[in-house]
Amino acid sequence: MKINQKYIQYILLLLIVVIGFCAYQFGYVKFIEKANQVKTENKAIEARINELNDKEQYRSEWTDAITKSDDEIKQILAKYGPGNTPEKSIIFARDLETNSPMQISNISFNPDVPIFVSEDTDENGNPKVEIDSTYISIDYATTYDGLKNCMDFINNYKERINVNGFTTSVNQETGQLAGNMIISMYSVKDADHIYKDPVVPNISIGTENIFGSGYEIPPVSPDLSEGEGEEPEAQTGETEGEGGTE
């Protein structure tokens, strides 16, 4: 059977149409879609580059501001101690006695209470920064000048502390002051604040100096001893007994 030449031409034309359609559908269209996708991605990258170029103009300014802020934060945190413990509070009370001078007959301690906890945590899940607060209560006896020196000592203390309140009464015969004082003490827990047990020098060992522990508290004034008999000695002995026990 012979195929007409005309039919052969129709078949060839049909094959050309099918090949053209396949080339368009599976070649050109896919290429266009890919090209449009790449163009969209290029626009996003270009926008990001422009954004980074705009930020680059302020990079040094922002870097300096961040460094300044970090330094200011470190200066603030440097005013806070690495922790509060009874032995640390006792040493503070001893220094307060010596620098005022005053006699502290009793001191009570309280546990740390968190007042700020950062949301950022370290690899162990602990907060990166935690600020704690505690307070001590002391019974004191001193002079008017001693009380002023006490406030100056607290105000200029190397760590962050403040007086929450105090009471005082005056001995009309001697002019001496006596009362109670509540002192708040703050501390920071972070990577830069590592608590170390305080070192107390000149600790005497034996039975000859049970309560002294190497410390010698200066008397408040001669008038206090004369006006109140043996009471100042009893107050000093009680304080030194606590320090020696610790």
Protein backbone atom coordinates (compact mmCIF):
# COMPACT_ATOMS: atom_id res chain seq x y z
CA MET A 1 0.00 0.00 0.00
CA LYS A 2 1.41 3.23 -1.04
CA ILE A 3 1.01 6.30 1.22
CA ASN A 4 0.07 9.41 -0.52
CA GLN A 5 2.72 12.08 -0.50
CA LYS A 6 0.19 14.49 0.88
CA TYR A 7 -0.43 12.27 3.93
CA ILE A 8 3.29 12.05 4.55
CA GLN A 9 3.47 15.84 4.62
CA TYR A 10 0.56 15.96 7.09
CA ILE A 11 2.26 13.42 9.32
CA LEU A 12 5.53 15.35 9.24
CA LEU A 13 3.66 18.57 10.02
CA LEU A 14 1.93 16.87 12.93
CA LEU A 15 5.25 15.58 14.25
CA ILE A 16 6.72 19.09 14.00
CA VAL A 17 3.76 20.49 15.95
CA VAL A 18 4.08 17.81 18.64
CA ILE A 19 7.85 18.36 18.94
CA GLY A 20 7.33 22.13 19.12
CA PHE A 21 4.64 21.78 21.77
CA CYS A 22 6.81 19.46 23.88
CA ALA A 23 9.79 21.80 23.51
CA TYR A 24 7.65 24.77 24.57
CA GLN A 25 5.86 23.03 27.40
CA PHE A 26 8.71 21.06 28.89
CA GLY A 27 11.61 23.26 27.87
CA TYR A 28 10.81 26.91 27.39
CA VAL A 29 8.06 27.15 30.03
CA LYS A 30 10.22 25.41 32.66
CA PHE A 31 13.12 27.66 31.72
CA ILE A 32 10.98 30.76 32.09
CA GLU A 33 9.68 29.61 35.49
CA LYS A 34 13.23 28.95 36.67
CA ALA A 35 14.40 32.29 35.30
CA ASN A 36 11.57 34.11 37.11
CA GLN A 37 12.42 32.28 40.32
CA VAL A 38 16.07 33.27 40.03
CA LYS A 39 15.03 36.85 39.27
CA THR A 40 12.87 36.93 42.40
CA GLU A 41 15.69 35.55 44.51
CA ASN A 42 18.09 38.09 43.02
CA LYS A 43 15.73 40.92 43.94
CA ALA A 44 15.55 39.66 47.54
CA ILE A 45 19.34 39.36 47.71
CA GLU A 46 19.74 42.81 46.21
CA ALA A 47 17.35 44.28 48.78
CA ARG A 48 19.27 42.56 51.57
CA ILE A 49 22.58 43.88 50.22
CA ASN A 50 21.17 47.41 50.09
CA GLU A 51 19.92 47.03 53.67
CA LEU A 52 23.34 45.82 54.85
CA ASN A 53 25.06 48.65 52.99
CA ASP A 54 22.81 51.14 54.75
CA LYS A 55 23.61 49.55 58.11
CA GLU A 56 27.31 49.47 57.32
CA GLN A 57 27.33 53.25 57.39
CA TYR A 58 26.39 53.15 61.07
CA ARG A 59 28.43 50.07 62.00
CA SER A 60 31.21 51.88 63.85
CA GLU A 61 28.72 54.13 65.64
CA TRP A 62 26.62 51.16 66.78
CA THR A 63 29.70 49.15 67.75
CA ASP A 64 30.96 52.00 69.92
CA ALA A 65 27.51 52.38 71.50
CA ILE A 66 27.34 48.64 72.29
CA THR A 67 30.86 48.70 73.77
CA LYS A 68 29.96 51.74 75.86
CA SER A 69 26.78 50.08 77.10
CA ASP A 70 28.67 46.90 78.01
CA ASP A 71 31.23 48.95 79.95
CA GLU A 72 28.48 50.85 81.79
CA ILE A 73 26.75 47.58 82.70
CA LYS A 74 30.03 46.14 83.99
CA GLN A 75 30.63 49.29 86.06
CA ILE A 76 27.18 48.99 87.60
CA LEU A 77 27.56 45.27 88.32
CA ALA A 78 31.04 45.88 89.76
CA LYS A 79 29.38 47.71 92.65
CA TYR A 80 27.63 44.49 93.66
CA GLY A 81 29.39 41.75 95.59
CA PRO A 82 29.56 38.12 94.42
CA GLY A 83 27.44 36.81 97.29
CA ASN A 84 26.29 37.31 100.88
CA THR A 85 27.07 34.92 103.72
CA PRO A 86 26.98 35.20 107.51
CA GLU A 87 30.78 35.26 107.76
CA LYS A 88 30.94 38.05 105.20
CA SER A 89 28.31 40.01 107.15
CA ILE A 90 30.25 39.52 110.38
CA ILE A 91 33.41 40.92 108.78
CA PHE A 92 31.38 43.88 107.51
CA ALA A 93 30.03 44.47 111.02
CA ARG A 94 33.59 44.34 112.42
CA ASP A 95 34.75 46.90 109.87
CA LEU A 96 31.75 49.05 110.72
CA GLU A 97 32.64 48.88 114.42
CA THR A 98 36.25 49.83 113.75
CA ASN A 99 35.63 52.68 111.32
CA SER A 100 32.75 54.39 113.16
CA PRO A 101 33.65 53.52 115.97
CA MET A 102 30.66 51.80 117.52
CA GLN A 103 29.84 48.71 119.53
CA ILE A 104 27.55 46.08 117.99
CA SER A 105 26.06 43.85 120.63
CA ASN A 106 23.88 41.71 118.38
CA ILE A 107 23.57 40.84 114.69
CA SER A 108 20.98 38.72 112.88
CA PHE A 109 21.15 37.32 109.35
CA ASN A 110 18.62 36.53 106.64
CA PRO A 111 18.82 34.40 103.48
CA ASP A 112 19.28 35.86 99.99
CA VAL A 113 16.12 36.66 98.03
CA PRO A 114 16.26 37.10 94.21
CA ILE A 115 15.08 40.54 93.10
CA PHE A 116 16.06 40.22 89.42
CA VAL A 117 16.59 37.19 87.19
CA SER A 118 17.55 37.59 83.52
CA GLU A 119 15.63 35.69 80.87
CA ASP A 120 18.85 34.69 79.10
CA THR A 121 20.29 31.39 80.29
CA ASP A 122 23.63 29.65 79.95
CA GLU A 123 24.29 26.17 78.58
CA ASN A 124 23.22 24.66 81.92
CA GLY A 125 19.87 26.45 81.92
CA ASN A 126 20.83 28.87 84.71
CA PRO A 127 20.09 32.59 84.33
CA LYS A 128 23.10 34.54 83.10
CA VAL A 129 22.51 37.33 85.63
CA GLU A 130 20.77 37.15 89.00
CA ILE A 131 20.65 39.93 91.59
CA ASP A 132 19.92 38.89 95.17
CA SER A 133 19.14 40.90 98.27
CA THR A 134 19.41 40.19 101.97
CA TYR A 135 19.52 42.26 105.12
CA ILE A 136 21.17 42.19 108.50
CA SER A 137 19.85 43.66 111.72
CA ILE A 138 22.33 45.05 114.25
CA ASP A 139 22.00 46.50 117.75
CA TYR A 140 24.54 49.26 118.20
CA ALA A 141 25.87 51.78 120.69
CA THR A 142 27.91 54.80 119.61
CA THR A 143 28.33 58.54 119.76
CA TYR A 144 26.72 61.12 117.51
CA ASP A 145 29.95 61.43 115.50
CA GLY A 146 30.18 57.65 115.43
CA LEU A 147 26.71 57.43 113.89
CA LYS A 148 27.68 59.95 111.21
CA ASN A 149 30.88 58.03 110.50
CA CYS A 150 28.81 54.85 110.30
CA MET A 151 26.57 56.38 107.61
CA ASP A 152 29.62 57.62 105.67
CA PHE A 153 31.18 54.16 105.85
CA ILE A 154 27.99 52.53 104.51
CA ASN A 155 27.58 55.16 101.80
CA ASN A 156 31.17 54.71 100.58
CA TYR A 157 31.31 50.94 101.03
CA LYS A 158 32.88 49.04 98.13
CA GLU A 159 29.74 46.94 97.57
CA ARG A 160 26.13 47.93 97.10
CA ILE A 161 24.45 48.30 100.50
CA ASN A 162 22.01 50.75 102.05
CA VAL A 163 20.24 51.45 105.32
CA ASN A 164 16.56 50.51 105.20
CA GLY A 165 15.86 52.03 108.59
CA PHE A 166 17.18 52.49 112.09
CA THR A 167 16.08 53.49 115.55
CA THR A 168 18.11 55.34 118.14
CA SER A 169 17.76 56.62 121.67
CA VAL A 170 19.90 59.09 123.61
CA ASN A 171 21.34 58.55 127.07
CA GLN A 172 20.69 61.93 128.67
CA GLU A 173 23.52 61.51 131.16
CA THR A 174 26.28 60.45 128.74
CA GLY A 175 24.95 61.67 125.39
CA GLN A 176 25.52 58.23 123.90
CA LEU A 177 23.26 56.76 121.21
CA ALA A 178 21.92 53.22 121.11
CA GLY A 179 19.42 51.48 118.85
CA ASN A 180 18.83 49.08 116.00
CA MET A 181 19.78 49.35 112.33
CA ILE A 182 18.62 47.32 109.32
CA ILE A 183 21.14 47.19 106.46
CA SER A 184 20.28 45.75 103.06
CA MET A 185 23.07 44.00 101.15
CA TYR A 186 22.98 43.10 97.46
CA SER A 187 24.90 40.61 95.36
CA VAL A 188 25.17 39.43 91.76
CA LYS A 189 25.48 35.94 90.36
CA ASP A 190 27.03 35.83 86.90
CA ALA A 191 30.16 34.67 85.10
CA ASP A 192 32.22 37.59 86.45
CA HIS A 193 31.09 37.34 90.09
CA ILE A 194 32.55 34.25 91.71
CA TYR A 195 32.13 34.06 95.47
CA LYS A 196 35.24 33.27 97.50
CA ASP A 197 35.31 32.61 101.22
CA PRO A 198 36.67 35.68 103.04
CA VAL A 199 40.16 35.46 104.47
CA VAL A 200 40.36 36.60 108.09
CA PRO A 201 43.93 37.33 109.23
CA ASN A 202 45.36 37.02 112.73
CA ILE A 203 42.97 34.35 114.00
CA SER A 204 44.21 33.31 117.42
CA ILE A 205 43.98 29.64 118.30
CA GLY A 206 43.72 28.38 121.87
CA THR A 207 41.95 29.25 125.10
CA GLU A 208 43.67 32.54 125.84
CA ASN A 209 41.69 34.49 123.25
CA ILE A 210 38.41 32.69 122.75
CA PHE A 211 36.30 35.67 121.74
CA GLY A 212 38.82 38.13 120.33
CA SER A 213 39.85 36.35 117.12
CA GLY A 214 42.59 38.88 116.61
CA TYR A 215 40.22 41.88 116.53
CA GLU A 216 40.32 44.72 118.98
CA ILE A 217 37.28 47.01 118.95
CA PRO A 218 38.06 50.58 120.03
CA PRO A 219 35.88 51.87 122.87
CA VAL A 220 33.06 54.21 121.95
CA SER A 221 34.06 56.77 124.57
CA PRO A 222 35.14 56.88 128.20
CA ASP A 223 31.76 58.40 129.09
CA LEU A 224 29.91 55.32 127.89
CA SER A 225 31.82 53.05 130.25
CA GLU A 226 31.38 55.42 133.16
CA GLY A 227 27.68 56.06 132.52
CA GLU A 228 26.63 52.50 131.95
CA GLY A 229 28.96 50.52 134.16
CA GLU A 230 29.97 47.17 132.77
CA GLU A 231 27.34 47.05 129.99
CA PRO A 232 29.66 48.12 127.12
CA GLU A 233 32.06 45.29 128.02
CA ALA A 234 29.20 42.79 127.97
CA GLN A 235 28.11 44.10 124.52
CA THR A 236 31.61 43.85 123.09
CA GLY A 237 32.10 40.36 124.50
CA GLU A 238 28.86 39.19 122.92
CA THR A 239 29.83 40.55 119.52
CA GLU A 240 33.30 39.08 119.70
CA GLY A 241 31.86 35.75 120.77
CA GLU A 242 29.83 35.63 117.56
CA GLY A 243 32.84 36.57 115.44
CA GLY A 244 35.01 33.99 117.19
CA THR A 245 32.44 31.26 116.69
CA GLU A 246 32.26 31.95 113.02
